[in-house]
Amino acid sequence: KARTAAHAAFDPIWRRHRLTRRKAYSWLAAQMGLPAELTHIALFDVAQCTAVITICKNRMEDIEK
């Protein structure tokens, strides 16, 4: 459930804003302080998924301003 919620928050960032998925994951890696090769929602635990949701919601709020 946590991974599904994280994808629901993350996917609109790259889909709506015409980023490649790879670029979006690179951005997410930088936001989370993780290496890009370890940044994939399928690998994340609940705490990391919660962080993804927060980061992505904040980003969408900034974009929509």
Protein backbone atom coordinates (compact mmCIF):
# COMPACT_ATOMS: atom_id res chain seq x y z
CA LYS A 1 0.00 0.00 0.00
CA ALA A 2 2.84 2.38 0.83
CA ARG A 3 4.51 1.79 -2.54
CA THR A 4 1.23 2.33 -4.38
CA ALA A 5 0.73 5.61 -2.54
CA ALA A 6 4.31 6.66 -3.29
CA HIS A 7 3.80 5.97 -7.00
CA ALA A 8 0.54 7.92 -6.92
CA ALA A 9 2.48 10.93 -5.64
CA PHE A 10 5.59 10.44 -7.82
CA ASP A 11 4.19 9.48 -11.22
CA PRO A 12 2.36 12.77 -11.92
CA ILE A 13 5.65 14.64 -11.54
CA TRP A 14 7.21 12.99 -14.56
CA ARG A 15 4.03 12.37 -16.54
CA ARG A 16 2.52 15.86 -16.30
CA HIS A 17 5.76 17.76 -16.59
CA ARG A 18 7.21 15.81 -19.49
CA LEU A 19 10.24 14.46 -17.69
CA THR A 20 11.62 11.08 -18.48
CA ARG A 21 11.11 8.60 -15.71
CA ARG A 22 14.90 8.36 -15.37
CA LYS A 23 15.24 12.12 -14.85
CA ALA A 24 12.43 12.07 -12.32
CA TYR A 25 14.14 9.28 -10.38
CA SER A 26 17.44 11.20 -10.52
CA TRP A 27 15.65 14.20 -9.05
CA LEU A 28 14.08 12.01 -6.36
CA ALA A 29 17.47 10.47 -5.54
CA ALA A 30 18.93 13.92 -4.98
CA GLN A 31 15.98 14.92 -2.79
CA MET A 32 16.36 11.80 -0.67
CA GLY A 33 20.16 11.85 -0.55
CA LEU A 34 20.38 8.41 -2.15
CA PRO A 35 22.43 7.09 -5.05
CA ALA A 36 20.37 6.96 -8.24
CA GLU A 37 20.90 3.21 -8.60
CA LEU A 38 19.24 2.62 -5.21
CA THR A 39 16.35 4.98 -5.83
CA HIS A 40 13.35 3.00 -6.96
CA ILE A 41 10.02 2.88 -5.20
CA ALA A 42 9.86 -0.91 -5.58
CA LEU A 43 12.90 -1.11 -3.26
CA PHE A 44 11.60 1.31 -0.62
CA ASP A 45 10.30 0.55 2.83
CA VAL A 46 7.30 2.30 4.41
CA ALA A 47 9.38 5.18 5.82
CA GLN A 48 11.00 5.84 2.45
CA CYS A 49 7.62 5.73 0.72
CA THR A 50 6.29 8.25 3.22
CA ALA A 51 9.26 10.49 2.42
CA VAL A 52 8.54 10.16 -1.32
CA ILE A 53 4.95 11.24 -0.77
CA THR A 54 6.00 14.30 1.23
CA ILE A 55 8.72 15.30 -1.25
CA CYS A 56 6.43 14.90 -4.23
CA LYS A 57 3.50 16.74 -2.66
CA ASN A 58 5.81 19.65 -1.83
CA ARG A 59 7.16 19.66 -5.39
CA MET A 60 3.67 19.67 -6.91
CA GLU A 61 2.67 22.56 -4.64
CA ASP A 62 5.75 24.51 -5.80
CA ILE A 63 4.98 23.79 -9.46
CA GLU A 64 1.36 24.88 -9.11
CA LYS A 65 2.22 28.23 -7.50
